[in-house]
Amino acid sequence: MLSIASSELIQIFRNRLVLITSLIMPVAVCVYFVAQHETFAAIGSLGYIAAVVMFTVAAFGLYATAVTTLASRRQNLFLKRLRSTAASDTGIIAGLLLPVVVLAVVQVTAILTALAVVAGKPANVALLVVATLATLAMMIGLALATAGLTNSPEHAQVTTLPVTLGVIAVATWVGITGTEDLAWLKRLLPGGAATQLTVNAWNGGVAVTDSLLLLAPTLAWVAIAVNLATRLFRWEPRR
């Protein structure tokens, strides 16, 4: 797995399109949000900024990059060749996705740390970590499912748009308006409960037990995505 991961990391830094998608673009957007944190905090809250930053990295840096990577490796038959080695299917997928996951974790950590430095620390760091990990797990599951429907790296630019734009739109909607109205709808949408959990973790004022209940919808999306991935994911191109 580690040998696959190290090789994949080299490929990421050699591919300009992936590098822009996974690193430059999400970081640029997040830096803007952090730099203008007073303006965006007035619109929503600091928790809203944290949620948008997290989902921007998760959607572009993790989800879209993972789908593009898996589609590319399928198209050039690299996935098929790996399956002829001693590596297990789980080890192959984990090796291919480990670099983008690590990069996403590093980016989220660095940007949220910068936000904490300029705007003040979150109320509950441990809860924020839980929210981040749950969000990344959901996006990995959705990436595996979407990769099953994606024929090529170019096709990934189309197939990833609904989820990428959708989760950021949900995070923005929930982060700004809260969940006093349409609470169940907002929490059941992908990213809605994770956004509220992030807002609670950063802003405080909500009991931890109440916040942890928000993990249920997010983990349900993880389960749904993994189930779809097992049905849709392909190791070889369609003929």
Protein backbone atom coordinates (compact mmCIF):
# COMPACT_ATOMS: atom_id res chain seq x y z
CA MET A 1 0.00 0.00 0.00
CA LEU A 2 2.75 2.48 0.94
CA SER A 3 4.63 1.88 -2.30
CA ILE A 4 1.46 2.60 -4.27
CA ALA A 5 0.85 5.72 -2.16
CA SER A 6 4.39 7.09 -2.67
CA SER A 7 4.13 6.55 -6.41
CA GLU A 8 0.74 8.24 -6.47
CA LEU A 9 2.05 11.25 -4.54
CA ILE A 10 4.74 11.76 -7.18
CA GLN A 11 2.10 11.60 -9.91
CA ILE A 12 -0.01 14.26 -8.17
CA PHE A 13 2.84 16.76 -8.15
CA ARG A 14 3.64 16.01 -11.79
CA ASN A 15 0.07 16.55 -12.99
CA ARG A 16 -0.60 20.29 -13.27
CA LEU A 17 -4.37 19.94 -13.54
CA VAL A 18 -4.60 17.76 -10.44
CA LEU A 19 -2.17 20.00 -8.60
CA ILE A 20 -4.30 23.07 -9.32
CA THR A 21 -7.52 21.25 -8.39
CA SER A 22 -6.27 19.57 -5.24
CA LEU A 23 -3.97 22.25 -3.83
CA ILE A 24 -3.90 25.69 -5.40
CA MET A 25 -7.61 26.36 -5.98
CA PRO A 26 -9.01 25.22 -2.61
CA VAL A 27 -6.18 26.89 -0.69
CA ALA A 28 -6.72 30.17 -2.56
CA VAL A 29 -10.44 30.15 -1.78
CA CYS A 30 -9.84 29.27 1.87
CA VAL A 31 -7.17 31.94 2.31
CA TYR A 32 -9.68 34.50 1.01
CA PHE A 33 -12.29 33.37 3.55
CA VAL A 34 -9.75 33.54 6.38
CA ALA A 35 -8.46 36.95 5.29
CA GLN A 36 -12.03 38.29 5.13
CA HIS A 37 -13.18 36.47 8.26
CA GLU A 38 -14.79 39.55 9.81
CA THR A 39 -16.99 40.07 6.76
CA PHE A 40 -18.07 36.43 6.54
CA ALA A 41 -18.52 36.15 10.31
CA ALA A 42 -21.00 39.03 10.08
CA ILE A 43 -22.91 37.10 7.41
CA GLY A 44 -22.89 33.81 9.33
CA SER A 45 -20.36 33.11 12.08
CA LEU A 46 -16.83 31.88 12.54
CA GLY A 47 -18.27 28.36 12.59
CA TYR A 48 -19.76 29.03 9.17
CA ILE A 49 -16.32 30.02 7.85
CA ALA A 50 -14.79 26.86 9.32
CA ALA A 51 -17.48 24.71 7.67
CA VAL A 52 -17.10 26.34 4.24
CA VAL A 53 -13.32 26.06 4.41
CA MET A 54 -13.56 22.39 5.36
CA PHE A 55 -16.01 21.54 2.59
CA THR A 56 -14.07 23.50 -0.02
CA VAL A 57 -10.97 21.40 0.67
CA ALA A 58 -13.01 18.19 1.00
CA ALA A 59 -14.91 18.79 -2.24
CA PHE A 60 -12.10 19.99 -4.50
CA GLY A 61 -8.93 18.76 -2.82
CA LEU A 62 -10.20 15.33 -1.78
CA TYR A 63 -13.39 14.32 -3.60
CA ALA A 64 -12.74 15.68 -7.11
CA THR A 65 -9.08 14.67 -7.04
CA ALA A 66 -9.88 11.14 -5.85
CA VAL A 67 -12.45 10.64 -8.62
CA THR A 68 -10.03 11.96 -11.25
CA THR A 69 -7.23 9.74 -9.93
CA LEU A 70 -9.30 6.55 -9.92
CA ALA A 71 -10.74 7.26 -13.38
CA SER A 72 -7.28 7.93 -14.78
CA ARG A 73 -5.77 4.79 -13.28
CA ARG A 74 -8.66 2.72 -14.65
CA GLN A 75 -8.34 4.23 -18.11
CA ASN A 76 -4.63 3.47 -18.44
CA LEU A 77 -5.22 -0.06 -17.05
CA PHE A 78 -3.08 0.64 -14.00
CA LEU A 79 -5.86 -0.65 -11.73
CA LYS A 80 -6.01 -3.88 -13.72
CA ARG A 81 -2.24 -4.36 -13.47
CA LEU A 82 -2.28 -3.72 -9.72
CA ARG A 83 -4.91 -6.43 -9.25
CA SER A 84 -2.47 -8.95 -10.73
CA THR A 85 -0.03 -8.25 -7.90
CA ALA A 86 -0.14 -9.50 -4.31
CA ALA A 87 -1.87 -6.31 -3.15
CA SER A 88 -5.47 -6.69 -1.99
CA ASP A 89 -8.29 -4.65 -3.50
CA THR A 90 -8.59 -2.67 -0.27
CA GLY A 91 -4.83 -2.07 -0.20
CA ILE A 92 -4.86 -0.82 -3.80
CA ILE A 93 -7.66 1.67 -3.19
CA ALA A 94 -6.13 2.78 0.10
CA GLY A 95 -2.74 3.29 -1.53
CA LEU A 96 -4.18 5.34 -4.38
CA LEU A 97 -6.26 7.55 -2.10
CA LEU A 98 -3.86 7.92 0.84
CA PRO A 99 -1.90 10.87 -0.67
CA VAL A 100 -5.01 12.95 -1.42
CA VAL A 101 -6.46 12.16 2.00
CA VAL A 102 -3.24 13.22 3.75
CA LEU A 103 -3.03 16.39 1.66
CA ALA A 104 -6.64 17.22 2.52
CA VAL A 105 -6.05 16.67 6.25
CA VAL A 106 -2.93 18.87 6.15
CA GLN A 107 -4.76 21.62 4.27
CA VAL A 108 -7.80 21.62 6.57
CA THR A 109 -5.59 21.59 9.66
CA ALA A 110 -3.39 24.43 8.41
CA ILE A 111 -6.28 26.64 7.30
CA LEU A 112 -8.39 26.12 10.42
CA THR A 113 -5.30 26.78 12.54
CA ALA A 114 -4.78 30.04 10.65
CA LEU A 115 -8.45 30.94 11.27
CA ALA A 116 -8.02 30.21 14.97
CA VAL A 117 -4.92 32.44 15.12
CA VAL A 118 -6.57 35.45 13.46
CA ALA A 119 -10.11 35.06 14.84
CA GLY A 120 -9.90 33.07 18.08
CA LYS A 121 -9.83 29.40 19.02
CA PRO A 122 -12.81 27.05 18.50
CA ALA A 123 -14.93 26.26 21.55
CA ASN A 124 -14.41 22.49 21.28
CA VAL A 125 -11.35 21.29 19.35
CA ALA A 126 -12.09 17.58 19.87
CA LEU A 127 -15.59 17.97 18.43
CA LEU A 128 -14.15 19.89 15.49
CA VAL A 129 -11.75 17.01 14.80
CA VAL A 130 -14.67 14.56 14.87
CA ALA A 131 -16.64 16.77 12.44
CA THR A 132 -13.67 16.98 10.09
CA LEU A 133 -13.01 13.24 10.08
CA ALA A 134 -16.70 12.46 9.51
CA THR A 135 -16.80 14.91 6.61
CA LEU A 136 -13.67 13.48 4.98
CA ALA A 137 -15.03 9.93 5.38
CA MET A 138 -18.27 10.95 3.67
CA MET A 139 -16.41 12.56 0.77
CA ILE A 140 -14.16 9.51 0.31
CA GLY A 141 -17.23 7.28 0.10
CA LEU A 142 -18.88 9.61 -2.41
CA ALA A 143 -15.66 9.70 -4.43
CA LEU A 144 -15.57 5.91 -4.73
CA ALA A 145 -19.22 5.86 -5.81
CA THR A 146 -18.73 8.64 -8.36
CA ALA A 147 -15.59 6.99 -9.74
CA GLY A 148 -17.74 4.04 -10.73
CA LEU A 149 -19.74 6.34 -13.02
CA THR A 150 -16.72 8.17 -14.45
CA ASN A 151 -15.14 6.88 -17.64
CA SER A 152 -12.09 9.15 -17.87
CA PRO A 153 -10.26 12.01 -16.11
CA GLU A 154 -11.94 14.42 -18.52
CA HIS A 155 -15.35 12.95 -17.70
CA ALA A 156 -14.60 13.53 -14.01
CA GLN A 157 -14.86 17.29 -14.57
CA VAL A 158 -18.58 16.69 -15.27
CA THR A 159 -19.47 13.83 -12.93
CA THR A 160 -17.98 15.54 -9.86
CA LEU A 161 -19.82 18.84 -10.31
CA PRO A 162 -23.17 17.87 -8.67
CA VAL A 163 -21.58 16.68 -5.42
CA THR A 164 -18.81 19.31 -5.37
CA LEU A 165 -21.15 22.26 -5.82
CA GLY A 166 -23.96 20.59 -3.87
CA VAL A 167 -22.09 20.05 -0.59
CA ILE A 168 -20.60 23.56 -0.69
CA ALA A 169 -24.07 25.00 -1.36
CA VAL A 170 -25.54 23.01 1.54
CA ALA A 171 -22.70 24.10 3.84
CA THR A 172 -23.29 27.72 2.90
CA TRP A 173 -27.06 27.45 3.34
CA VAL A 174 -26.89 25.71 6.71
CA GLY A 175 -23.96 27.82 7.93
CA ILE A 176 -25.72 31.12 7.22
CA THR A 177 -29.35 30.28 8.03
CA GLY A 178 -28.86 27.72 10.82
CA THR A 179 -31.30 24.89 11.44
CA GLU A 180 -34.15 26.60 13.25
CA ASP A 181 -36.22 26.24 10.07
CA LEU A 182 -36.33 23.10 7.92
CA ALA A 183 -34.05 21.39 10.43
CA TRP A 184 -34.59 17.82 9.28
CA LEU A 185 -34.21 18.66 5.59
CA LYS A 186 -30.96 20.54 6.19
CA ARG A 187 -29.53 17.77 8.38
CA LEU A 188 -30.45 15.00 5.95
CA LEU A 189 -28.85 16.66 2.95
CA PRO A 190 -25.23 15.53 2.35
CA GLY A 191 -23.03 17.86 4.36
CA GLY A 192 -25.86 19.53 6.28
CA ALA A 193 -25.40 17.72 9.59
CA ALA A 194 -21.59 17.93 9.30
CA THR A 195 -21.88 21.68 8.77
CA GLN A 196 -24.03 22.12 11.84
CA LEU A 197 -21.62 19.95 13.83
CA THR A 198 -18.71 22.13 12.71
CA VAL A 199 -20.58 25.32 13.57
CA ASN A 200 -21.41 23.96 17.03
CA ALA A 201 -17.81 22.87 17.60
CA TRP A 202 -16.42 26.28 16.68
CA ASN A 203 -19.04 28.60 18.15
CA GLY A 204 -19.97 26.55 21.22
CA GLY A 205 -23.21 27.02 23.15
CA VAL A 206 -24.60 23.56 22.33
CA ALA A 207 -24.28 20.46 24.50
CA VAL A 208 -21.74 17.94 23.19
CA THR A 209 -24.27 15.11 23.40
CA ASP A 210 -26.69 17.05 21.19
CA SER A 211 -23.93 17.79 18.69
CA LEU A 212 -22.77 14.18 18.51
CA LEU A 213 -26.27 13.15 17.39
CA LEU A 214 -25.48 15.02 14.19
CA LEU A 215 -22.95 12.32 13.34
CA ALA A 216 -25.79 9.93 12.49
CA PRO A 217 -26.83 11.56 9.17
CA THR A 218 -23.20 12.03 8.10
CA LEU A 219 -22.29 8.41 8.87
CA ALA A 220 -25.47 7.32 7.10
CA TRP A 221 -24.20 9.07 3.97
CA VAL A 222 -20.88 7.25 4.41
CA ALA A 223 -22.73 3.93 4.51
CA ILE A 224 -24.86 4.83 1.47
CA ALA A 225 -21.81 5.97 -0.50
CA VAL A 226 -19.81 2.84 0.33
CA ASN A 227 -22.76 0.65 -0.64
CA LEU A 228 -23.05 2.47 -3.96
CA ALA A 229 -19.30 2.17 -4.49
CA THR A 230 -19.37 -1.60 -4.06
CA ARG A 231 -22.08 -1.79 -6.72
CA LEU A 232 -20.75 0.79 -9.18
CA PHE A 233 -16.96 0.73 -8.95
CA ARG A 234 -15.19 -0.88 -11.91
CA TRP A 235 -11.57 -2.02 -12.17
CA GLU A 236 -11.43 -2.01 -15.97
CA PRO A 237 -12.72 0.41 -18.64
CA ARG A 238 -16.06 -0.29 -20.26
CA ARG A 239 -15.69 -2.03 -23.60
